[in-house]
Amino acid sequence: METIQIVIDVKLLQAADRAARHAKLNRSELVRRALREHLEKLQTSEREERDRLGYRKQPMQAPLGAMTAWEAEAVWPGE
């Protein structure tokens, strides 16, 4: 692992320390987990955006009548 320095405001540091105590983690582990989670969310968002763009460029089109077999399954009993 590498040791780094970061600059954060006092209120954010205090909130981080409270969260770390509550989670029974040290400050470094809390920051590592938060950064890892944030990076995973960014990666997921990038993938979703790539998929959205791809479907816009080439939308999926179901063959005529392809969903007919499932329409009866989608009806609530008694309707």
N, C-alpha and C. Protein backbone atom coordinates (compact mmCIF):
# COMPACT_ATOMS: atom_id res chain seq x y z
N MET A 1 0.84 -1.18 0.00
CA MET A 1 0.00 0.00 0.00
C MET A 1 0.88 1.24 0.00
N GLU A 2 0.31 2.30 -0.52
CA GLU A 2 0.99 3.58 -0.56
C GLU A 2 0.38 4.51 0.50
N THR A 3 1.20 5.36 1.05
CA THR A 3 0.73 6.40 1.95
C THR A 3 0.60 7.68 1.15
N ILE A 4 -0.56 8.34 1.28
CA ILE A 4 -0.80 9.58 0.56
C ILE A 4 -1.28 10.64 1.52
N GLN A 5 -1.27 11.87 1.07
CA GLN A 5 -1.86 12.97 1.83
C GLN A 5 -3.01 13.53 1.02
N ILE A 6 -4.09 13.82 1.72
CA ILE A 6 -5.21 14.50 1.08
C ILE A 6 -5.62 15.67 1.95
N VAL A 7 -6.25 16.64 1.35
CA VAL A 7 -6.72 17.81 2.08
C VAL A 7 -8.24 17.78 2.03
N ILE A 8 -8.87 17.78 3.22
CA ILE A 8 -10.33 17.84 3.32
C ILE A 8 -10.70 18.83 4.41
N ASP A 9 -11.90 19.36 4.32
CA ASP A 9 -12.30 20.34 5.33
C ASP A 9 -12.62 19.65 6.66
N VAL A 10 -12.62 20.43 7.71
CA VAL A 10 -12.76 19.91 9.07
C VAL A 10 -14.07 19.16 9.26
N LYS A 11 -15.18 19.70 8.74
CA LYS A 11 -16.48 19.05 8.93
C LYS A 11 -16.51 17.68 8.25
N LEU A 12 -15.92 17.58 7.07
CA LEU A 12 -15.87 16.29 6.38
C LEU A 12 -15.01 15.30 7.15
N LEU A 13 -13.90 15.75 7.68
CA LEU A 13 -13.03 14.89 8.48
C LEU A 13 -13.75 14.40 9.72
N GLN A 14 -14.46 15.29 10.39
CA GLN A 14 -15.20 14.89 11.60
C GLN A 14 -16.29 13.88 11.25
N ALA A 15 -16.99 14.10 10.16
CA ALA A 15 -18.04 13.16 9.74
C ALA A 15 -17.42 11.81 9.39
N ALA A 16 -16.28 11.83 8.72
CA ALA A 16 -15.59 10.58 8.36
C ALA A 16 -15.15 9.84 9.62
N ASP A 17 -14.63 10.56 10.57
CA ASP A 17 -14.20 9.91 11.81
C ASP A 17 -15.38 9.31 12.58
N ARG A 18 -16.51 10.03 12.60
CA ARG A 18 -17.71 9.47 13.25
C ARG A 18 -18.16 8.20 12.53
N ALA A 19 -18.19 8.26 11.21
CA ALA A 19 -18.61 7.09 10.42
C ALA A 19 -17.66 5.92 10.65
N ALA A 20 -16.38 6.19 10.71
CA ALA A 20 -15.39 5.13 10.93
C ALA A 20 -15.59 4.49 12.30
N ARG A 21 -15.79 5.31 13.31
CA ARG A 21 -16.03 4.75 14.66
C ARG A 21 -17.29 3.91 14.67
N HIS A 22 -18.35 4.42 14.04
CA HIS A 22 -19.62 3.70 14.00
C HIS A 22 -19.47 2.35 13.30
N ALA A 23 -18.66 2.31 12.24
CA ALA A 23 -18.46 1.08 11.48
C ALA A 23 -17.32 0.22 12.05
N LYS A 24 -16.71 0.72 13.13
CA LYS A 24 -15.58 0.03 13.76
C LYS A 24 -14.44 -0.18 12.77
N LEU A 25 -14.12 0.89 12.04
CA LEU A 25 -13.02 0.89 11.07
C LEU A 25 -12.07 2.03 11.43
N ASN A 26 -10.84 1.94 10.95
CA ASN A 26 -10.00 3.11 11.08
C ASN A 26 -10.28 4.04 9.89
N ARG A 27 -9.81 5.25 9.99
CA ARG A 27 -10.09 6.26 8.97
C ARG A 27 -9.61 5.80 7.60
N SER A 28 -8.44 5.21 7.53
CA SER A 28 -7.89 4.79 6.24
C SER A 28 -8.76 3.73 5.58
N GLU A 29 -9.23 2.77 6.37
CA GLU A 29 -10.09 1.72 5.79
C GLU A 29 -11.41 2.31 5.32
N LEU A 30 -11.96 3.24 6.07
CA LEU A 30 -13.19 3.90 5.64
C LEU A 30 -12.99 4.61 4.30
N VAL A 31 -11.91 5.34 4.17
CA VAL A 31 -11.62 6.06 2.92
C VAL A 31 -11.38 5.08 1.78
N ARG A 32 -10.64 4.01 2.02
CA ARG A 32 -10.40 3.01 0.97
C ARG A 32 -11.72 2.42 0.48
N ARG A 33 -12.58 2.03 1.43
CA ARG A 33 -13.87 1.45 1.04
C ARG A 33 -14.74 2.44 0.28
N ALA A 34 -14.77 3.68 0.76
CA ALA A 34 -15.58 4.70 0.09
C ALA A 34 -15.06 4.97 -1.31
N LEU A 35 -13.76 5.05 -1.47
CA LEU A 35 -13.18 5.29 -2.79
C LEU A 35 -13.43 4.11 -3.72
N ARG A 36 -13.27 2.91 -3.20
CA ARG A 36 -13.52 1.70 -4.01
C ARG A 36 -14.98 1.66 -4.47
N GLU A 37 -15.91 1.95 -3.56
CA GLU A 37 -17.32 1.95 -3.90
C GLU A 37 -17.64 3.03 -4.94
N HIS A 38 -17.05 4.20 -4.76
CA HIS A 38 -17.28 5.28 -5.71
C HIS A 38 -16.75 4.91 -7.10
N LEU A 39 -15.58 4.33 -7.16
CA LEU A 39 -15.01 3.93 -8.45
C LEU A 39 -15.85 2.85 -9.13
N GLU A 40 -16.38 1.92 -8.35
CA GLU A 40 -17.26 0.89 -8.91
C GLU A 40 -18.54 1.51 -9.47
N LYS A 41 -19.09 2.51 -8.76
CA LYS A 41 -20.29 3.20 -9.25
C LYS A 41 -19.99 3.94 -10.55
N LEU A 42 -18.82 4.59 -10.61
CA LEU A 42 -18.45 5.28 -11.85
C LEU A 42 -18.34 4.30 -13.01
N GLN A 43 -17.73 3.16 -12.76
CA GLN A 43 -17.56 2.14 -13.80
C GLN A 43 -18.94 1.63 -14.25
N THR A 44 -19.83 1.39 -13.32
CA THR A 44 -21.18 0.93 -13.66
C THR A 44 -21.90 1.99 -14.48
N SER A 45 -21.78 3.25 -14.08
CA SER A 45 -22.43 4.34 -14.83
C SER A 45 -21.88 4.43 -16.24
N GLU A 46 -20.57 4.27 -16.39
CA GLU A 46 -19.97 4.31 -17.73
C GLU A 46 -20.48 3.16 -18.60
N ARG A 47 -20.60 1.98 -18.02
CA ARG A 47 -21.12 0.84 -18.78
C ARG A 47 -22.57 1.06 -19.18
N GLU A 48 -23.38 1.57 -18.24
CA GLU A 48 -24.78 1.83 -18.54
C GLU A 48 -24.93 2.86 -19.65
N GLU A 49 -24.11 3.91 -19.60
CA GLU A 49 -24.17 4.94 -20.63
C GLU A 49 -23.75 4.37 -21.98
N ARG A 50 -22.72 3.54 -21.99
CA ARG A 50 -22.27 2.89 -23.23
C ARG A 50 -23.39 2.03 -23.81
N ASP A 51 -24.08 1.29 -22.94
CA ASP A 51 -25.20 0.46 -23.40
C ASP A 51 -26.34 1.31 -23.94
N ARG A 52 -26.67 2.41 -23.22
CA ARG A 52 -27.74 3.30 -23.69
C ARG A 52 -27.42 3.84 -25.08
N LEU A 53 -26.19 4.28 -25.26
CA LEU A 53 -25.79 4.81 -26.57
C LEU A 53 -25.87 3.73 -27.64
N GLY A 54 -25.45 2.54 -27.29
CA GLY A 54 -25.51 1.43 -28.25
C GLY A 54 -26.93 1.09 -28.65
N TYR A 55 -27.84 1.07 -27.68
CA TYR A 55 -29.24 0.76 -28.00
C TYR A 55 -29.91 1.90 -28.78
N ARG A 56 -29.45 3.13 -28.54
CA ARG A 56 -29.99 4.25 -29.34
C ARG A 56 -29.55 4.12 -30.79
N LYS A 57 -28.30 3.74 -30.98
CA LYS A 57 -27.78 3.60 -32.35
C LYS A 57 -28.42 2.42 -33.08
N GLN A 58 -28.66 1.36 -32.34
CA GLN A 58 -29.21 0.16 -32.95
C GLN A 58 -30.24 -0.45 -32.01
N PRO A 59 -31.46 0.11 -32.00
CA PRO A 59 -32.49 -0.39 -31.07
C PRO A 59 -32.86 -1.84 -31.37
N MET A 60 -33.20 -2.54 -30.31
CA MET A 60 -33.67 -3.92 -30.48
C MET A 60 -35.10 -3.89 -30.99
N GLN A 61 -35.39 -4.72 -31.93
CA GLN A 61 -36.74 -4.83 -32.44
C GLN A 61 -37.16 -6.28 -32.40
N ALA A 62 -38.19 -6.54 -31.60
CA ALA A 62 -38.68 -7.91 -31.49
C ALA A 62 -39.42 -8.28 -32.76
N PRO A 63 -39.27 -9.51 -33.21
CA PRO A 63 -40.02 -9.96 -34.38
C PRO A 63 -41.52 -9.85 -34.11
N LEU A 64 -42.29 -9.59 -35.14
CA LEU A 64 -43.73 -9.45 -35.01
C LEU A 64 -44.32 -10.68 -34.34
N GLY A 65 -45.08 -10.46 -33.27
CA GLY A 65 -45.72 -11.57 -32.56
C GLY A 65 -44.83 -12.25 -31.53
N ALA A 66 -43.63 -11.78 -31.34
CA ALA A 66 -42.71 -12.45 -30.42
C ALA A 66 -43.19 -12.39 -28.97
N MET A 67 -43.87 -11.33 -28.59
CA MET A 67 -44.31 -11.20 -27.21
C MET A 67 -45.70 -11.78 -26.98
N THR A 68 -46.38 -12.18 -28.01
CA THR A 68 -47.75 -12.68 -27.89
C THR A 68 -47.85 -13.84 -26.91
N ALA A 69 -46.88 -14.72 -26.91
CA ALA A 69 -46.92 -15.88 -26.02
C ALA A 69 -46.89 -15.48 -24.56
N TRP A 70 -46.31 -14.34 -24.23
CA TRP A 70 -46.19 -13.91 -22.84
C TRP A 70 -47.32 -12.99 -22.40
N GLU A 71 -48.09 -12.47 -23.34
CA GLU A 71 -49.14 -11.52 -22.97
C GLU A 71 -50.16 -12.14 -22.02
N ALA A 72 -50.53 -13.39 -22.22
CA ALA A 72 -51.49 -14.07 -21.35
C ALA A 72 -50.90 -14.25 -19.95
N GLU A 73 -49.61 -14.41 -19.85
CA GLU A 73 -48.96 -14.59 -18.55
C GLU A 73 -48.93 -13.31 -17.77
N ALA A 74 -48.98 -12.17 -18.43
CA ALA A 74 -48.89 -10.88 -17.78
C ALA A 74 -50.20 -10.42 -17.19
N VAL A 75 -51.28 -11.13 -17.43
CA VAL A 75 -52.60 -10.74 -16.93
C VAL A 75 -52.80 -11.30 -15.53
N TRP A 76 -53.28 -10.44 -14.61
CA TRP A 76 -53.56 -10.89 -13.26
C TRP A 76 -54.77 -11.82 -13.28
N PRO A 77 -54.78 -12.83 -12.43
CA PRO A 77 -55.94 -13.72 -12.36
C PRO A 77 -57.21 -12.91 -12.05
N GLY A 78 -58.29 -13.25 -12.72
CA GLY A 78 -59.56 -12.57 -12.48
C GLY A 78 -59.76 -11.34 -13.34
N GLU A 79 -58.81 -11.01 -14.17
CA GLU A 79 -58.98 -9.85 -15.05
C GLU A 79 -59.64 -10.27 -16.35
